[in-house]
Amino acid sequence: MRSIVVFAALMLAACNGTWTVSDRAFVLCSGYVSALQQLATFRAAGQLSESAVRRVDSIRAELNPVCSSAVHTHGALDAVEAGVRDLLQIRRGADL
């Protein structure tokens, strides 16, 4: 739970307009990787529904190319932010 709180604080900071695109990319993509790792643990424990797994796979297909790219745009990072929020909602549902 603590990692989610820390991540949420970093995500809010990354949304602040004073960060460079590179800084924002680093924070958002790091949070993305962290969320995927947590969800992988839940999936291995059988705590994710099939629909949640499909949603995670869909988000991965969209965000992996963005986070593995050396070039980032604000629009692409907005998509990462939205995807990470979705992953956090899925993770929250797995906690229930």
PDB file of N, CA and C in Angstrom:
ATOM      1  N   MET A   1       0.820  -1.188   0.000  1.00  0.00           N
ATOM      2  CA  MET A   1       0.000   0.000   0.000  1.00  0.00           C
ATOM      3  C   MET A   1       0.868   1.257   0.000  1.00  0.00           C
ATOM      4  N   ARG A   2       1.935   1.219   0.753  1.00  0.00           N
ATOM      5  CA  ARG A   2       2.829   2.371   0.840  1.00  0.00           C
ATOM      6  C   ARG A   2       3.362   2.752  -0.533  1.00  0.00           C
ATOM      7  N   SER A   3       3.692   1.750  -1.344  1.00  0.00           N
ATOM      8  CA  SER A   3       4.223   2.041  -2.677  1.00  0.00           C
ATOM      9  C   SER A   3       3.194   2.767  -3.531  1.00  0.00           C
ATOM     10  N   ILE A   4       1.920   2.475  -3.336  1.00  0.00           N
ATOM     11  CA  ILE A   4       0.880   3.172  -4.097  1.00  0.00           C
ATOM     12  C   ILE A   4       0.795   4.623  -3.661  1.00  0.00           C
ATOM     13  N   VAL A   5       0.902   4.881  -2.374  1.00  0.00           N
ATOM     14  CA  VAL A   5       0.845   6.255  -1.875  1.00  0.00           C
ATOM     15  C   VAL A   5       2.033   7.059  -2.395  1.00  0.00           C
ATOM     16  N   VAL A   6       3.222   6.474  -2.344  1.00  0.00           N
ATOM     17  CA  VAL A   6       4.410   7.143  -2.860  1.00  0.00           C
ATOM     18  C   VAL A   6       4.266   7.384  -4.350  1.00  0.00           C
ATOM     19  N   PHE A   7       3.799   6.377  -5.061  1.00  0.00           N
ATOM     20  CA  PHE A   7       3.622   6.525  -6.495  1.00  0.00           C
ATOM     21  C   PHE A   7       2.604   7.609  -6.815  1.00  0.00           C
ATOM     22  N   ALA A   8       1.499   7.646  -6.086  1.00  0.00           N
ATOM     23  CA  ALA A   8       0.474   8.655  -6.341  1.00  0.00           C
ATOM     24  C   ALA A   8       1.040  10.058  -6.138  1.00  0.00           C
ATOM     25  N   ALA A   9       1.859  10.233  -5.110  1.00  0.00           N
ATOM     26  CA  ALA A   9       2.483  11.538  -4.880  1.00  0.00           C
ATOM     27  C   ALA A   9       3.409  11.913  -6.031  1.00  0.00           C
ATOM     28  N   LEU A  10       4.191  10.948  -6.502  1.00  0.00           N
ATOM     29  CA  LEU A  10       5.080  11.213  -7.633  1.00  0.00           C
ATOM     30  C   LEU A  10       4.294  11.518  -8.897  1.00  0.00           C
ATOM     31  N   MET A  11       3.194  10.810  -9.093  1.00  0.00           N
ATOM     32  CA  MET A  11       2.387  11.042 -10.275  1.00  0.00           C
ATOM     33  C   MET A  11       1.792  12.447 -10.263  1.00  0.00           C
ATOM     34  N   LEU A  12       1.318  12.867  -9.108  1.00  0.00           N
ATOM     35  CA  LEU A  12       0.772  14.221  -9.007  1.00  0.00           C
ATOM     36  C   LEU A  12       1.856  15.256  -9.284  1.00  0.00           C
ATOM     37  N   ALA A  13       3.042  15.002  -8.779  1.00  0.00           N
ATOM     38  CA  ALA A  13       4.150  15.921  -9.030  1.00  0.00           C
ATOM     39  C   ALA A  13       4.510  15.934 -10.512  1.00  0.00           C
ATOM     40  N   ALA A  14       4.441  14.798 -11.156  1.00  0.00           N
ATOM     41  CA  ALA A  14       4.777  14.713 -12.583  1.00  0.00           C
ATOM     42  C   ALA A  14       3.779  15.477 -13.436  1.00  0.00           C
ATOM     43  N   CYS A  15       2.586  15.654 -12.932  1.00  0.00           N
ATOM     44  CA  CYS A  15       1.565  16.392 -13.675  1.00  0.00           C
ATOM     45  C   CYS A  15       1.796  17.894 -13.601  1.00  0.00           C
ATOM     46  N   ASN A  16       2.585  18.302 -12.651  1.00  0.00           N
ATOM     47  CA  ASN A  16       2.893  19.717 -12.488  1.00  0.00           C
ATOM     48  C   ASN A  16       3.659  20.207 -13.713  1.00  0.00           C
ATOM     49  N   GLY A  17       3.296  21.342 -14.247  1.00  0.00           N
ATOM     50  CA  GLY A  17       3.887  21.861 -15.465  1.00  0.00           C
ATOM     51  C   GLY A  17       5.356  22.256 -15.363  1.00  0.00           C
ATOM     52  N   THR A  18       5.941  22.237 -14.179  1.00  0.00           N
ATOM     53  CA  THR A  18       7.328  22.675 -14.037  1.00  0.00           C
ATOM     54  C   THR A  18       8.331  21.571 -14.343  1.00  0.00           C
ATOM     55  N   TRP A  19       7.896  20.360 -14.513  1.00  0.00           N
ATOM     56  CA  TRP A  19       8.794  19.250 -14.804  1.00  0.00           C
ATOM     57  C   TRP A  19       9.099  19.217 -16.301  1.00  0.00           C
ATOM     58  N   THR A  20      10.297  18.788 -16.635  1.00  0.00           N
ATOM     59  CA  THR A  20      10.625  18.600 -18.045  1.00  0.00           C
ATOM     60  C   THR A  20       9.912  17.344 -18.553  1.00  0.00           C
ATOM     61  N   VAL A  21       9.809  17.227 -19.849  1.00  0.00           N
ATOM     62  CA  VAL A  21       9.189  16.041 -20.446  1.00  0.00           C
ATOM     63  C   VAL A  21       9.968  14.794 -20.039  1.00  0.00           C
ATOM     64  N   SER A  22      11.294  14.883 -20.007  1.00  0.00           N
ATOM     65  CA  SER A  22      12.122  13.729 -19.617  1.00  0.00           C
ATOM     66  C   SER A  22      11.874  13.328 -18.168  1.00  0.00           C
ATOM     67  N   ASP A  23      11.766  14.312 -17.277  1.00  0.00           N
ATOM     68  CA  ASP A  23      11.483  14.014 -15.865  1.00  0.00           C
ATOM     69  C   ASP A  23      10.120  13.350 -15.717  1.00  0.00           C
ATOM     70  N   ARG A  24       9.150  13.904 -16.403  1.00  0.00           N
ATOM     71  CA  ARG A  24       7.795  13.357 -16.333  1.00  0.00           C
ATOM     72  C   ARG A  24       7.760  11.936 -16.887  1.00  0.00           C
ATOM     73  N   ALA A  25       8.470  11.714 -17.996  1.00  0.00           N
ATOM     74  CA  ALA A  25       8.528  10.372 -18.581  1.00  0.00           C
ATOM     75  C   ALA A  25       9.143   9.386 -17.605  1.00  0.00           C
ATOM     76  N   PHE A  26      10.221   9.783 -16.949  1.00  0.00           N
ATOM     77  CA  PHE A  26      10.887   8.892 -16.002  1.00  0.00           C
ATOM     78  C   PHE A  26       9.950   8.507 -14.865  1.00  0.00           C
ATOM     79  N   VAL A  27       9.276   9.493 -14.279  1.00  0.00           N
ATOM     80  CA  VAL A  27       8.391   9.215 -13.143  1.00  0.00           C
ATOM     81  C   VAL A  27       7.199   8.364 -13.568  1.00  0.00           C
ATOM     82  N   LEU A  28       6.550   8.752 -14.659  1.00  0.00           N
ATOM     83  CA  LEU A  28       5.366   8.014 -15.090  1.00  0.00           C
ATOM     84  C   LEU A  28       5.703   6.594 -15.532  1.00  0.00           C
ATOM     85  N   CYS A  29       6.776   6.437 -16.289  1.00  0.00           N
ATOM     86  CA  CYS A  29       7.133   5.096 -16.760  1.00  0.00           C
ATOM     87  C   CYS A  29       7.648   4.218 -15.619  1.00  0.00           C
ATOM     88  N   SER A  30       8.310   4.821 -14.640  1.00  0.00           N
ATOM     89  CA  SER A  30       8.722   4.053 -13.453  1.00  0.00           C
ATOM     90  C   SER A  30       7.500   3.573 -12.691  1.00  0.00           C
ATOM     91  N   GLY A  31       6.517   4.433 -12.568  1.00  0.00           N
ATOM     92  CA  GLY A  31       5.268   4.038 -11.910  1.00  0.00           C
ATOM     93  C   GLY A  31       4.533   2.966 -12.690  1.00  0.00           C
ATOM     94  N   TYR A  32       4.584   3.060 -13.999  1.00  0.00           N
ATOM     95  CA  TYR A  32       3.973   2.050 -14.855  1.00  0.00           C
ATOM     96  C   TYR A  32       4.598   0.680 -14.614  1.00  0.00           C
ATOM     97  N   VAL A  33       5.916   0.633 -14.596  1.00  0.00           N
ATOM     98  CA  VAL A  33       6.620  -0.630 -14.355  1.00  0.00           C
ATOM     99  C   VAL A  33       6.274  -1.177 -12.971  1.00  0.00           C
ATOM    100  N   SER A  34       6.246  -0.299 -11.984  1.00  0.00           N
ATOM    101  CA  SER A  34       5.920  -0.723 -10.616  1.00  0.00           C
ATOM    102  C   SER A  34       4.503  -1.299 -10.545  1.00  0.00           C
ATOM    103  N   ALA A  35       3.564  -0.632 -11.199  1.00  0.00           N
ATOM    104  CA  ALA A  35       2.186  -1.125 -11.189  1.00  0.00           C
ATOM    105  C   ALA A  35       2.086  -2.487 -11.870  1.00  0.00           C
ATOM    106  N   LEU A  36       2.798  -2.654 -12.989  1.00  0.00           N
ATOM    107  CA  LEU A  36       2.786  -3.954 -13.674  1.00  0.00           C
ATOM    108  C   LEU A  36       3.359  -5.053 -12.792  1.00  0.00           C
ATOM    109  N   GLN A  37       4.433  -4.750 -12.070  1.00  0.00           N
ATOM    110  CA  GLN A  37       5.041  -5.751 -11.189  1.00  0.00           C
ATOM    111  C   GLN A  37       4.069  -6.165 -10.094  1.00  0.00           C
ATOM    112  N   GLN A  38       3.376  -5.203  -9.525  1.00  0.00           N
ATOM    113  CA  GLN A  38       2.408  -5.527  -8.478  1.00  0.00           C
ATOM    114  C   GLN A  38       1.266  -6.366  -9.032  1.00  0.00           C
ATOM    115  N   LEU A  39       0.783  -5.991 -10.217  1.00  0.00           N
ATOM    116  CA  LEU A  39      -0.314  -6.745 -10.818  1.00  0.00           C
ATOM    117  C   LEU A  39       0.113  -8.153 -11.213  1.00  0.00           C
ATOM    118  N   ALA A  40       1.367  -8.324 -11.597  1.00  0.00           N
ATOM    119  CA  ALA A  40       1.870  -9.665 -11.917  1.00  0.00           C
ATOM    120  C   ALA A  40       1.809 -10.554 -10.686  1.00  0.00           C
ATOM    121  N   THR A  41       2.095  -9.979  -9.534  1.00  0.00           N
ATOM    122  CA  THR A  41       2.014 -10.733  -8.275  1.00  0.00           C
ATOM    123  C   THR A  41       0.573 -11.148  -7.994  1.00  0.00           C
ATOM    124  N   PHE A  42      -0.343 -10.224  -8.187  1.00  0.00           N
ATOM    125  CA  PHE A  42      -1.758 -10.546  -7.982  1.00  0.00           C
ATOM    126  C   PHE A  42      -2.229 -11.602  -8.973  1.00  0.00           C
ATOM    127  N   ARG A  43      -1.771 -11.481 -10.211  1.00  0.00           N
ATOM    128  CA  ARG A  43      -2.184 -12.461 -11.225  1.00  0.00           C
ATOM    129  C   ARG A  43      -1.661 -13.853 -10.863  1.00  0.00           C
ATOM    130  N   ALA A  44      -0.416 -13.932 -10.439  1.00  0.00           N
ATOM    131  CA  ALA A  44       0.174 -15.220 -10.064  1.00  0.00           C
ATOM    132  C   ALA A  44      -0.569 -15.848  -8.895  1.00  0.00           C
ATOM    133  N   ALA A  45      -1.132 -14.999  -8.036  1.00  0.00           N
ATOM    134  CA  ALA A  45      -1.880 -15.502  -6.879  1.00  0.00           C
ATOM    135  C   ALA A  45      -3.346 -15.771  -7.219  1.00  0.00           C
ATOM    136  N   GLY A  46      -3.710 -15.579  -8.495  1.00  0.00           N
ATOM    137  CA  GLY A  46      -5.081 -15.836  -8.908  1.00  0.00           C
ATOM    138  C   GLY A  46      -6.068 -14.780  -8.456  1.00  0.00           C
ATOM    139  N   GLN A  47      -5.589 -13.567  -8.175  1.00  0.00           N
ATOM    140  CA  GLN A  47      -6.454 -12.519  -7.643  1.00  0.00           C
ATOM    141  C   GLN A  47      -6.905 -11.505  -8.693  1.00  0.00           C
ATOM    142  N   LEU A  48      -6.643 -11.777  -9.972  1.00  0.00           N
ATOM    143  CA  LEU A  48      -7.120 -10.905 -11.037  1.00  0.00           C
ATOM    144  C   LEU A  48      -8.124 -11.665 -11.893  1.00  0.00           C
ATOM    145  N   SER A  49      -9.216 -11.010 -12.189  1.00  0.00           N
ATOM    146  CA  SER A  49     -10.215 -11.628 -13.065  1.00  0.00           C
ATOM    147  C   SER A  49      -9.681 -11.656 -14.491  1.00  0.00           C
ATOM    148  N   GLU A  50     -10.322 -12.452 -15.320  1.00  0.00           N
ATOM    149  CA  GLU A  50      -9.919 -12.525 -16.726  1.00  0.00           C
ATOM    150  C   GLU A  50     -10.097 -11.172 -17.415  1.00  0.00           C
ATOM    151  N   SER A  51     -11.150 -10.451 -17.065  1.00  0.00           N
ATOM    152  CA  SER A  51     -11.356  -9.131 -17.675  1.00  0.00           C
ATOM    153  C   SER A  51     -10.272  -8.158 -17.241  1.00  0.00           C
ATOM    154  N   ALA A  52      -9.818  -8.258 -15.992  1.00  0.00           N
ATOM    155  CA  ALA A  52      -8.721  -7.407 -15.523  1.00  0.00           C
ATOM    156  C   ALA A  52      -7.430  -7.745 -16.258  1.00  0.00           C
ATOM    157  N   VAL A  53      -7.187  -9.026 -16.468  1.00  0.00           N
ATOM    158  CA  VAL A  53      -5.982  -9.456 -17.194  1.00  0.00           C
ATOM    159  C   VAL A  53      -6.027  -8.917 -18.626  1.00  0.00           C
ATOM    160  N   ARG A  54      -7.190  -9.002 -19.266  1.00  0.00           N
ATOM    161  CA  ARG A  54      -7.317  -8.478 -20.632  1.00  0.00           C
ATOM    162  C   ARG A  54      -7.083  -6.969 -20.661  1.00  0.00           C
ATOM    163  N   ARG A  55      -7.584  -6.267 -19.669  1.00  0.00           N
ATOM    164  CA  ARG A  55      -7.398  -4.804 -19.609  1.00  0.00           C
ATOM    165  C   ARG A  55      -5.915  -4.469 -19.409  1.00  0.00           C
ATOM    166  N   VAL A  56      -5.241  -5.194 -18.527  1.00  0.00           N
ATOM    167  CA  VAL A  56      -3.808  -4.974 -18.297  1.00  0.00           C
ATOM    168  C   VAL A  56      -3.044  -5.225 -19.598  1.00  0.00           C
ATOM    169  N   ASP A  57      -3.363  -6.304 -20.278  1.00  0.00           N
ATOM    170  CA  ASP A  57      -2.684  -6.609 -21.543  1.00  0.00           C
ATOM    171  C   ASP A  57      -2.904  -5.504 -22.578  1.00  0.00           C
ATOM    172  N   SER A  58      -4.096  -4.953 -22.616  1.00  0.00           N
ATOM    173  CA  SER A  58      -4.411  -3.865 -23.544  1.00  0.00           C
ATOM    174  C   SER A  58      -3.598  -2.607 -23.196  1.00  0.00           C
ATOM    175  N   ILE A  59      -3.510  -2.299 -21.929  1.00  0.00           N
ATOM    176  CA  ILE A  59      -2.733  -1.138 -21.485  1.00  0.00           C
ATOM    177  C   ILE A  59      -1.254  -1.345 -21.802  1.00  0.00           C
ATOM    178  N   ARG A  60      -0.772  -2.555 -21.562  1.00  0.00           N
ATOM    179  CA  ARG A  60       0.641  -2.854 -21.879  1.00  0.00           C
ATOM    180  C   ARG A  60       0.933  -2.654 -23.359  1.00  0.00           C
ATOM    181  N   ALA A  61       0.029  -3.108 -24.215  1.00  0.00           N
ATOM    182  CA  ALA A  61       0.238  -2.967 -25.660  1.00  0.00           C
ATOM    183  C   ALA A  61       0.342  -1.498 -26.064  1.00  0.00           C
ATOM    184  N   GLU A  62      -0.376  -0.650 -25.364  1.00  0.00           N
ATOM    185  CA  GLU A  62      -0.346   0.779 -25.666  1.00  0.00           C
ATOM    186  C   GLU A  62       0.867   1.477 -25.054  1.00  0.00           C
ATOM    187  N   LEU A  63       1.201   1.119 -23.821  1.00  0.00           N
ATOM    188  CA  LEU A  63       2.215   1.889 -23.092  1.00  0.00           C
ATOM    189  C   LEU A  63       3.642   1.366 -23.225  1.00  0.00           C
ATOM    190  N   ASN A  64       3.822   0.081 -23.497  1.00  0.00           N
ATOM    191  CA  ASN A  64       5.196  -0.425 -23.641  1.00  0.00           C
ATOM    192  C   ASN A  64       5.988   0.351 -24.691  1.00  0.00           C
ATOM    193  N   PRO A  65       5.422   0.601 -25.880  1.00  0.00           N
ATOM    194  CA  PRO A  65       6.200   1.355 -26.871  1.00  0.00           C
ATOM    195  C   PRO A  65       6.539   2.777 -26.408  1.00  0.00           C
ATOM    196  N   VAL A  66       5.624   3.411 -25.682  1.00  0.00           N
ATOM    197  CA  VAL A  66       5.867   4.777 -25.212  1.00  0.00           C
ATOM    198  C   VAL A  66       7.004   4.789 -24.196  1.00  0.00           C
ATOM    199  N   CYS A  67       6.940   3.878 -23.226  1.00  0.00           N
ATOM    200  CA  CYS A  67       7.941   3.885 -22.154  1.00  0.00           C
ATOM    201  C   CYS A  67       9.286   3.318 -22.609  1.00  0.00           C
ATOM    202  N   SER A  68       9.321   2.576 -23.716  1.00  0.00           N
ATOM    203  CA  SER A  68      10.617   2.091 -24.208  1.00  0.00           C
ATOM    204  C   SER A  68      11.240   3.037 -25.230  1.00  0.00           C
ATOM    205  N   SER A  69      10.523   4.077 -25.574  1.00  0.00           N
ATOM    206  CA  SER A  69      11.032   5.042 -26.541  1.00  0.00           C
ATOM    207  C   SER A  69      11.920   6.087 -25.848  1.00  0.00           C
ATOM    208  N   ALA A  70      12.879   6.592 -26.583  1.00  0.00           N
ATOM    209  CA  ALA A  70      13.742   7.660 -26.054  1.00  0.00           C
ATOM    210  C   ALA A  70      13.107   9.027 -26.286  1.00  0.00           C
ATOM    211  N   VAL A  71      12.101   9.087 -27.138  1.00  0.00           N
ATOM    212  CA  VAL A  71      11.441  10.351 -27.463  1.00  0.00           C
ATOM    213  C   VAL A  71      10.028  10.327 -26.884  1.00  0.00           C
ATOM    214  N   HIS A  72       9.680  11.361 -26.127  1.00  0.00           N
ATOM    215  CA  HIS A  72       8.365  11.423 -25.498  1.00  0.00           C
ATOM    216  C   HIS A  72       7.686  12.738 -25.838  1.00  0.00           C
ATOM    217  N   THR A  73       6.394  12.677 -26.037  1.00  0.00           N
ATOM    218  CA  THR A  73       5.592  13.874 -26.245  1.00  0.00           C
ATOM    219  C   THR A  73       4.641  14.024 -25.064  1.00  0.00           C
ATOM    220  N   HIS A  74       4.119  15.223 -24.901  1.00  0.00           N
ATOM    221  CA  HIS A  74       3.156  15.421 -23.808  1.00  0.00           C
ATOM    222  C   HIS A  74       1.933  14.536 -23.998  1.00  0.00           C
ATOM    223  N   GLY A  75       1.481  14.393 -25.240  1.00  0.00           N
ATOM    224  CA  GLY A  75       0.317  13.544 -25.504  1.00  0.00           C
ATOM    225  C   GLY A  75       0.567  12.092 -25.139  1.00  0.00           C
ATOM    226  N   ALA A  76       1.752  11.592 -25.471  1.00  0.00           N
ATOM    227  CA  ALA A  76       2.087  10.200 -25.131  1.00  0.00           C
ATOM    228  C   ALA A  76       2.155  10.032 -23.623  1.00  0.00           C
ATOM    229  N   LEU A  77       2.714  11.023 -22.937  1.00  0.00           N
ATOM    230  CA  LEU A  77       2.814  10.919 -21.483  1.00  0.00           C
ATOM    231  C   LEU A  77       1.448  11.060 -20.817  1.00  0.00           C
ATOM    232  N   ASP A  78       0.552  11.813 -21.419  1.00  0.00           N
ATOM    233  CA  ASP A  78      -0.820  11.859 -20.905  1.00  0.00           C
ATOM    234  C   ASP A  78      -1.459  10.473 -20.996  1.00  0.00           C
ATOM    235  N   ALA A  79      -1.165   9.747 -22.071  1.00  0.00           N
ATOM    236  CA  ALA A  79      -1.681   8.381 -22.221  1.00  0.00           C
ATOM    237  C   ALA A  79      -1.087   7.460 -21.153  1.00  0.00           C
ATOM    238  N   VAL A  80       0.206   7.635 -20.851  1.00  0.00           N
ATOM    239  CA  VAL A  80       0.836   6.832 -19.798  1.00  0.00           C
ATOM    240  C   VAL A  80       0.170   7.136 -18.462  1.00  0.00           C
ATOM    241  N   GLU A  81      -0.054   8.396 -18.188  1.00  0.00           N
ATOM    242  CA  GLU A  81      -0.703   8.773 -16.929  1.00  0.00           C
ATOM    243  C   GLU A  81      -2.083   8.123 -16.809  1.00  0.00           C
ATOM    244  N   ALA A  82      -2.865   8.194 -17.876  1.00  0.00           N
ATOM    245  CA  ALA A  82      -4.198   7.584 -17.857  1.00  0.00           C
ATOM    246  C   ALA A  82      -4.106   6.069 -17.693  1.00  0.00           C
ATOM    247  N   GLY A  83      -3.159   5.450 -18.382  1.00  0.00           N
ATOM    248  CA  GLY A  83      -2.978   4.003 -18.272  1.00  0.00           C
ATOM    249  C   GLY A  83      -2.578   3.575 -16.874  1.00  0.00           C
ATOM    250  N   VAL A  84      -1.703   4.343 -16.254  1.00  0.00           N
ATOM    251  CA  VAL A  84      -1.270   4.012 -14.896  1.00  0.00           C
ATOM    252  C   VAL A  84      -2.435   4.168 -13.929  1.00  0.00           C
ATOM    253  N   ARG A  85      -3.239   5.177 -14.136  1.00  0.00           N
ATOM    254  CA  ARG A  85      -4.428   5.324 -13.279  1.00  0.00           C
ATOM    255  C   ARG A  85      -5.336   4.104 -13.419  1.00  0.00           C
ATOM    256  N   ASP A  86      -5.515   3.634 -14.648  1.00  0.00           N
ATOM    257  CA  ASP A  86      -6.320   2.423 -14.870  1.00  0.00           C
ATOM    258  C   ASP A  86      -5.706   1.219 -14.153  1.00  0.00           C
ATOM    259  N   LEU A  87      -4.387   1.077 -14.253  1.00  0.00           N
ATOM    260  CA  LEU A  87      -3.709  -0.044 -13.586  1.00  0.00           C
ATOM    261  C   LEU A  87      -3.890   0.033 -12.077  1.00  0.00           C
ATOM    262  N   LEU A  88      -3.814   1.240 -11.528  1.00  0.00           N
ATOM    263  CA  LEU A  88      -3.999   1.398 -10.085  1.00  0.00           C
ATOM    264  C   LEU A  88      -5.429   1.057  -9.670  1.00  0.00           C
ATOM    265  N   GLN A  89      -6.405   1.370 -10.525  1.00  0.00           N
ATOM    266  CA  GLN A  89      -7.782   0.980 -10.231  1.00  0.00           C
ATOM    267  C   GLN A  89      -7.937  -0.539 -10.252  1.00  0.00           C
ATOM    268  N   ILE A  90      -7.291  -1.175 -11.213  1.00  0.00           N
ATOM    269  CA  ILE A  90      -7.339  -2.642 -11.288  1.00  0.00           C
ATOM    270  C   ILE A  90      -6.697  -3.232 -10.051  1.00  0.00           C
ATOM    271  N   ARG A  91      -5.550  -2.683  -9.655  1.00  0.00           N
ATOM    272  CA  ARG A  91      -4.848  -3.172  -8.464  1.00  0.00           C
ATOM    273  C   ARG A  91      -5.710  -2.987  -7.221  1.00  0.00           C
ATOM    274  N   ARG A  92      -6.361  -1.840  -7.145  1.00  0.00           N
ATOM    275  CA  ARG A  92      -7.231  -1.579  -6.005  1.00  0.00           C
ATOM    276  C   ARG A  92      -8.365  -2.595  -5.939  1.00  0.00           C
ATOM    277  N   GLY A  93      -8.901  -2.950  -7.080  1.00  0.00           N
ATOM    278  CA  GLY A  93      -9.952  -3.956  -7.117  1.00  0.00           C
ATOM    279  C   GLY A  93      -9.445  -5.334  -6.702  1.00  0.00           C
ATOM    280  N   ALA A  94      -8.175  -5.616  -6.974  1.00  0.00           N
ATOM    281  CA  ALA A  94      -7.604  -6.906  -6.588  1.00  0.00           C
ATOM    282  C   ALA A  94      -7.412  -7.001  -5.085  1.00  0.00           C
ATOM    283  N   ASP A  95      -7.294  -5.862  -4.417  1.00  0.00           N
ATOM    284  CA  ASP A  95      -7.127  -5.848  -2.956  1.00  0.00           C
ATOM    285  C   ASP A  95      -8.409  -6.215  -2.226  1.00  0.00           C
ATOM    286  N   LEU A  96      -9.548  -6.055  -2.898  1.00  0.00           N
ATOM    287  CA  LEU A  96     -10.839  -6.254  -2.233  1.00  0.00           C
ATOM    288  C   LEU A  96     -11.135  -7.677  -1.899  1.00  0.00           C
TER     289      LEU A  96
END
